[in-house]
Structure formats: structure tokens, C-alpha cells
Protein backbone atom coordinates (compact mmCIF):
# COMPACT_ATOMS: atom_id res chain seq x y z
CA UNK A 1 0.00 0.00 0.00
CA UNK A 2 1.39 3.38 -1.02
CA UNK A 3 1.78 6.09 1.61
CA UNK A 4 0.05 9.47 1.50
CA UNK A 5 0.95 11.48 -1.62
CA UNK A 6 2.39 14.21 0.64
CA UNK A 7 5.30 11.86 1.37
CA UNK A 8 5.64 10.16 -2.01
CA UNK A 9 5.09 12.91 -4.58
CA UNK A 10 6.90 16.28 -4.73
CA UNK A 11 3.85 18.10 -6.12
CA UNK A 12 1.72 16.84 -3.22
CA UNK A 13 4.49 17.76 -0.77
CA UNK A 14 4.49 21.33 -2.03
CA UNK A 15 0.68 21.48 -1.92
CA UNK A 16 0.57 20.26 1.67
CA UNK A 17 3.51 22.09 3.21
CA UNK A 18 3.93 25.05 0.87
CA UNK A 19 1.37 27.43 2.41
CA UNK A 20 2.64 27.02 5.97
CA UNK A 21 6.33 27.06 5.05
CA UNK A 22 5.80 30.09 2.81
CA UNK A 23 4.03 31.96 5.58
CA UNK A 24 6.76 31.14 8.10
CA UNK A 25 9.44 32.39 5.70
CA UNK A 26 7.51 35.60 5.01
CA UNK A 27 7.01 36.22 8.72
CA UNK A 28 10.67 35.56 9.41
CA UNK A 29 11.57 38.16 6.81
CA UNK A 30 9.02 40.72 8.06
CA UNK A 31 9.90 40.33 11.74
CA UNK A 32 13.63 39.84 11.37
CA UNK A 33 15.49 41.60 14.15
CA UNK A 34 12.74 41.81 16.78
CA UNK A 35 13.94 38.81 18.86
CA UNK A 36 14.87 40.98 21.86
CA UNK A 37 11.26 41.42 22.94
CA UNK A 38 10.22 37.83 22.14
CA UNK A 39 12.83 36.49 24.53
CA UNK A 40 10.91 38.06 27.40
CA UNK A 41 7.44 37.08 26.11
CA UNK A 42 6.85 33.57 27.41
CA UNK A 43 3.53 33.33 25.57
CA UNK A 44 5.46 33.51 22.28
CA UNK A 45 7.62 30.51 23.18
CA UNK A 46 4.70 28.53 24.62
CA UNK A 47 2.79 29.13 21.41
CA UNK A 48 5.75 27.87 19.36
CA UNK A 49 5.87 24.75 21.54
CA UNK A 50 2.15 24.04 21.06
CA UNK A 51 2.47 24.50 17.30
CA UNK A 52 5.41 22.12 17.05
CA UNK A 53 3.69 19.64 19.40
CA UNK A 54 0.82 19.45 16.94
CA UNK A 55 2.73 19.64 13.68
CA UNK A 56 5.58 17.18 14.19
CA UNK A 57 3.65 14.19 15.56
CA UNK A 58 0.73 15.02 13.28
CA UNK A 59 2.92 14.68 10.20
CA UNK A 60 4.86 11.66 11.46
CA UNK A 61 1.75 9.74 12.52
CA UNK A 62 0.26 10.12 9.04
CA UNK A 63 3.10 7.95 7.79
CA UNK A 64 3.12 5.54 10.74
CA UNK A 65 -0.65 5.04 11.18
CA UNK A 66 -2.16 4.33 7.78
CA UNK A 67 -5.19 2.84 9.55
CA UNK A 68 -6.29 6.41 10.38
CA UNK A 69 -6.14 7.53 6.73
CA UNK A 70 -9.03 9.68 5.60
CA UNK A 71 -11.36 7.96 3.12
CA UNK A 72 -11.59 8.82 -0.54
CA UNK A 73 -9.09 9.39 -3.32
CA UNK A 74 -5.59 9.95 -1.97
CA UNK A 75 -5.08 13.15 -3.99
CA UNK A 76 -8.24 14.72 -2.57
CA UNK A 77 -6.45 15.42 0.73
CA UNK A 78 -3.37 17.30 -0.52
CA UNK A 79 -5.63 19.49 -2.67
CA UNK A 80 -8.12 20.11 0.17
CA UNK A 81 -5.27 20.69 2.64
CA UNK A 82 -3.66 23.19 0.31
CA UNK A 83 -6.96 25.05 -0.08
CA UNK A 84 -7.44 25.25 3.70
CA UNK A 85 -3.79 26.20 4.21
CA UNK A 86 -3.91 28.96 1.59
CA UNK A 87 -7.14 30.29 3.10
CA UNK A 88 -5.51 30.35 6.53
CA UNK A 89 -2.33 32.04 5.31
CA UNK A 90 -4.42 34.54 3.35
CA UNK A 91 -6.48 35.41 6.42
CA UNK A 92 -3.38 35.72 8.60
CA UNK A 93 -1.63 38.04 6.15
CA UNK A 94 -4.78 40.09 5.64
CA UNK A 95 -4.84 40.59 9.43
CA UNK A 96 -1.13 41.45 9.53
CA UNK A 97 -1.48 43.99 6.71
CA UNK A 98 -4.61 45.49 8.26
CA UNK A 99 -2.83 46.14 11.57
CA UNK A 100 0.31 47.30 9.79
CA UNK A 101 2.96 48.55 12.22
CA UNK A 102 0.77 47.63 15.21
CA UNK A 103 1.10 43.91 14.43
CA UNK A 104 3.80 42.14 16.43
CA UNK A 105 4.34 38.53 17.38
CA UNK A 106 4.96 39.41 21.02
CA UNK A 107 2.38 40.80 23.41
CA UNK A 108 2.76 44.56 23.46
CA UNK A 109 0.73 47.70 22.84
CA UNK A 110 2.55 50.81 21.65
CA UNK A 111 1.85 54.13 23.36
CA UNK A 112 0.18 55.45 20.19
CA UNK A 113 -1.68 52.21 19.43
CA UNK A 114 -5.10 52.71 17.88
CA UNK A 115 -7.94 50.20 17.94
CA UNK A 116 -8.34 48.62 14.49
CA UNK A 117 -11.79 47.27 13.62
CA UNK A 118 -11.55 47.08 9.83
CA UNK A 119 -10.74 44.21 7.50
CA UNK A 120 -10.97 40.81 9.18
CA UNK A 121 -11.14 42.54 12.57
CA UNK A 122 -14.78 43.38 11.77
CA UNK A 123 -15.69 39.75 12.44
CA UNK A 124 -13.16 38.42 14.96
CA UNK A 125 -10.69 39.91 17.41
CA UNK A 126 -7.82 37.57 16.51
CA UNK A 127 -8.03 36.80 12.79
CA UNK A 128 -4.29 36.19 12.49
CA UNK A 129 -4.67 33.39 15.04
CA UNK A 130 -7.65 31.95 13.18
CA UNK A 131 -5.58 32.03 10.00
CA UNK A 132 -2.62 30.31 11.64
CA UNK A 133 -4.84 27.55 13.02
CA UNK A 134 -6.31 27.02 9.55
CA UNK A 135 -2.80 26.86 8.06
CA UNK A 136 -1.85 24.11 10.53
CA UNK A 137 -5.16 22.32 9.91
CA UNK A 138 -4.34 22.41 6.20
CA UNK A 139 -1.23 20.34 6.84
CA UNK A 140 -3.22 17.78 8.83
CA UNK A 141 -5.84 17.54 6.12
CA UNK A 142 -3.17 17.46 3.43
CA UNK A 143 -1.44 14.38 4.81
CA UNK A 144 -4.83 12.66 4.75
CA UNK A 145 -4.95 11.26 8.26
CA UNK A 146 -7.64 11.80 10.90
CA UNK A 147 -5.19 11.80 13.81
CA UNK A 148 -3.03 14.31 11.93
CA UNK A 149 -6.01 16.60 11.39
CA UNK A 150 -6.78 16.54 15.11
CA UNK A 151 -3.18 17.06 16.27
CA UNK A 152 -2.32 19.73 13.69
CA UNK A 153 -5.50 21.68 14.48
CA UNK A 154 -6.16 21.21 18.18
CA UNK A 155 -2.69 21.59 19.68
CA UNK A 156 -1.84 24.87 17.93
CA UNK A 157 -5.35 26.08 18.82
CA UNK A 158 -4.64 25.32 22.50
CA UNK A 159 -1.58 27.56 22.32
CA UNK A 160 -3.57 30.43 20.87
CA UNK A 161 -6.48 29.93 23.27
CA UNK A 162 -4.02 30.13 26.19
CA UNK A 163 -2.49 33.31 24.81
CA UNK A 164 -5.73 35.18 24.04
CA UNK A 165 -6.71 36.06 27.66
CA UNK A 166 -3.30 37.62 28.31
CA UNK A 167 -3.41 39.57 25.07
CA UNK A 168 -6.95 40.77 25.69
CA UNK A 169 -6.12 41.85 29.25
CA UNK A 170 -3.26 43.92 27.88
CA UNK A 171 -5.44 45.46 25.15
CA UNK A 172 -8.23 46.23 27.61
CA UNK A 173 -5.76 47.77 30.04
CA UNK A 174 -4.14 49.97 27.39
CA UNK A 175 -7.11 50.79 25.12
CA UNK A 176 -9.84 50.88 27.77
CA UNK A 177 -13.53 51.26 27.00
CA UNK A 178 -13.21 51.30 23.19
CA UNK A 179 -11.64 47.85 23.33
CA UNK A 180 -14.24 46.59 25.81
CA UNK A 181 -17.04 47.75 23.51
CA UNK A 182 -15.34 46.17 20.49
CA UNK A 183 -14.86 42.90 22.40
CA UNK A 184 -18.53 42.87 23.40
CA UNK A 185 -19.63 42.75 19.75
CA UNK A 186 -17.02 40.45 18.19
CA UNK A 187 -15.97 36.86 18.81
CA UNK A 188 -12.40 35.84 19.47
CA UNK A 189 -11.58 33.30 16.74
CA UNK A 190 -14.71 32.05 14.96
CA UNK A 191 -17.68 34.31 14.17
CA UNK A 192 -20.79 33.16 16.00
CA UNK A 193 -18.93 30.47 17.93
CA UNK A 194 -16.15 31.84 20.16
């Protein structure tokens, strides 16, 4: 029995891993040089740990546990995973571009920070997190394994869900009532759900 196309075919490999790897490389380029602040932001490193805890075993188990393979044509999953991954990366970068210079990967609010409620922030308070979770989910879907989908989606989501209360406390503290009013009418990650 052949393994998932993501491991056996270079086109499928690019479809599955391309969106996430591309986004990581773009972020590295955009945020190059700001490591000083991240070293003191433990939520950044915890989030990285949760993401890797989902991604690495999620990918490896797709190869080792073929009994959990998703049903249907093998090529369906790299294509579907790529679509979900591209949607997630697109949403994340839309959020980053909408916030512009206010977007950072560490928890901070600049003295002149203004509340942004346009673009994807109209619907959710943390669209870059939603996009990142979708990008990781795309990898899980792309390798075509149910356990991989769960690990690649849930564990990174746990990292973001742990970070959100700290970020929101900081935003509420610094931006006050405007942020509280905004938070009262928008969901955190998924419109209509949470």
C-alpha cells in the first residue's frame, strides 16, 4: 500500500507544506530583528511549543498510522489541505497587513496604538490566530490522516487559546472602553462560535 501522496510525490508535498512554510518564511523576513522582545514574552515561546507539538507528531503519525487515513481518493487530501492552508495564510496576512505597524508577534501595545476594527477585525478579534490555526489544519488535512487533522489543528489552537486572555487583558488595560465595547460585539476566533 502506497503512503500518502504528501510523502511520495513532490507536487503533493508542495501542496501540503507550501502554504505554511511560505508563511513562516515571510514572517521571518518581516519580523527579522525583533527577537529581543520575544525572549521576554513567554507566551510567544509557549505558542511555538504548542504549534510544534501538533505539527511534528501530526505529520509523522500520518506515515506511521495508515489505519487512520481519511477515506476517498488519496489526492483529494493534498488538494483540500492546500486550499485550507492557503485560506488560513491569506487570512493571517490580511490581518497582519490590516494592523500594519501595530502587528507584532509578542504581546505589546505601543503608546500610540489605535484600535483597528476594519478588514478581518470586523468579524473576529484575533483573525491572524484563526488564520494560523487554519494553516496548521491544512497540513493535517493534506497528509490525509484523521489523527493528523486533530493534532495539527487542536494543539496549535490550544496555544492560541491560552495566549488570548493575556493579550486581551493587555489590550483592555491599554485601550480601555473602546476595546471593551469592540470585544462585546465580536468573537475571538470564529464568528458566532467563540
